[in-house]
Protein backbone atom coordinates (compact mmCIF):
# COMPACT_ATOMS: atom_id res chain seq x y z
CA MET A 1 148.72 115.72 138.41
CA THR A 2 151.32 113.36 139.74
CA TYR A 3 154.47 112.77 137.75
CA ILE A 4 156.37 109.56 138.35
CA ILE A 5 160.05 109.13 137.52
CA ASN A 6 162.23 106.04 137.65
CA ASP A 7 165.28 106.97 139.68
CA ASN A 8 167.88 104.16 139.57
CA GLY A 9 165.22 101.47 139.37
CA ILE A 10 162.93 103.04 141.96
CA ASP A 11 159.68 104.75 140.94
CA ARG A 12 159.05 107.96 142.82
CA GLU A 13 157.10 111.19 142.49
CA MET A 14 158.93 114.03 140.79
CA THR A 15 159.83 117.03 142.89
CA GLN A 16 158.39 120.42 142.01
CA ILE A 17 161.77 121.47 140.61
CA GLU A 18 161.86 118.39 138.36
CA ILE A 19 158.32 119.12 137.16
CA VAL A 20 159.25 122.72 136.35
CA ASP A 21 162.36 121.51 134.50
CA LEU A 22 160.26 118.99 132.57
CA ARG A 23 157.69 121.60 131.55
CA THR A 24 160.42 124.05 130.59
CA SER A 25 162.12 121.41 128.45
CA GLN A 26 158.82 120.50 126.79
CA ALA A 27 158.09 124.15 126.01
CA GLN A 28 161.59 124.64 124.59
CA LEU A 29 161.19 121.54 122.43
CA GLU A 30 157.90 122.87 121.05
CA VAL A 31 159.57 126.19 120.20
CA GLU A 32 162.47 124.40 118.48
CA GLN A 33 160.10 122.16 116.52
CA ALA A 34 158.05 125.15 115.37
CA ALA A 35 161.23 126.95 114.30
CA ALA A 36 162.43 123.89 112.37
CA GLU A 37 159.06 123.55 110.63
CA GLN A 38 159.11 127.26 109.73
CA ALA A 39 162.66 126.98 108.39
CA ALA A 40 161.66 124.01 106.22
CA ALA A 41 158.64 125.91 104.92
CA ASP A 42 160.78 128.98 104.18
CA LYS A 43 163.32 126.84 102.33
CA ALA A 44 160.60 125.20 100.23
CA ALA A 45 159.08 128.59 99.43
CA ALA A 46 162.47 129.98 98.42
CA ALA A 47 163.10 126.97 96.16
CA ALA A 48 159.70 127.38 94.49
CA SER A 49 160.29 131.11 94.06
CA GLY A 50 163.70 130.47 92.52
CA ARG A 51 162.28 127.95 90.08
CA ALA A 52 159.50 130.37 89.12
CA LYS A 53 162.01 133.15 88.50
CA LEU A 54 164.14 130.89 86.32
CA ALA A 55 161.06 129.85 84.38
CA ALA A 56 160.11 133.52 83.94
CA LEU A 57 163.51 134.05 82.33
CA GLY A 58 162.49 131.48 79.72
CA LEU A 59 164.32 128.40 80.98
CA THR A 60 162.65 125.06 80.45
CA ASP A 61 162.04 122.61 83.30
CA ASP A 62 164.91 120.46 82.01
CA GLU A 63 167.27 123.43 82.03
CA ILE A 64 166.18 124.44 85.52
CA ASN A 65 166.69 120.91 86.77
CA ALA A 66 170.13 120.80 85.16
CA LEU A 67 171.12 124.07 86.82
CA LEU A 68 169.81 123.02 90.23
CA GLY A 69 171.09 119.48 90.03
CA ALA A 70 167.63 118.04 90.48
């Protein structure tokens, strides 16, 4: 596959080093996106678990919301 880059207004083929850098950057971005998605899922799960634990202690939804500022 040929990769084209615009270098100061001139379209040219990317060098092998540029292609490797591009692929490395893309792979790193995918890893970072997956980590961010996992962190968001973990945070949501922790929030749900916390709410469930407060409800198990006998707090009403209104009391839980008041405590959590929701």
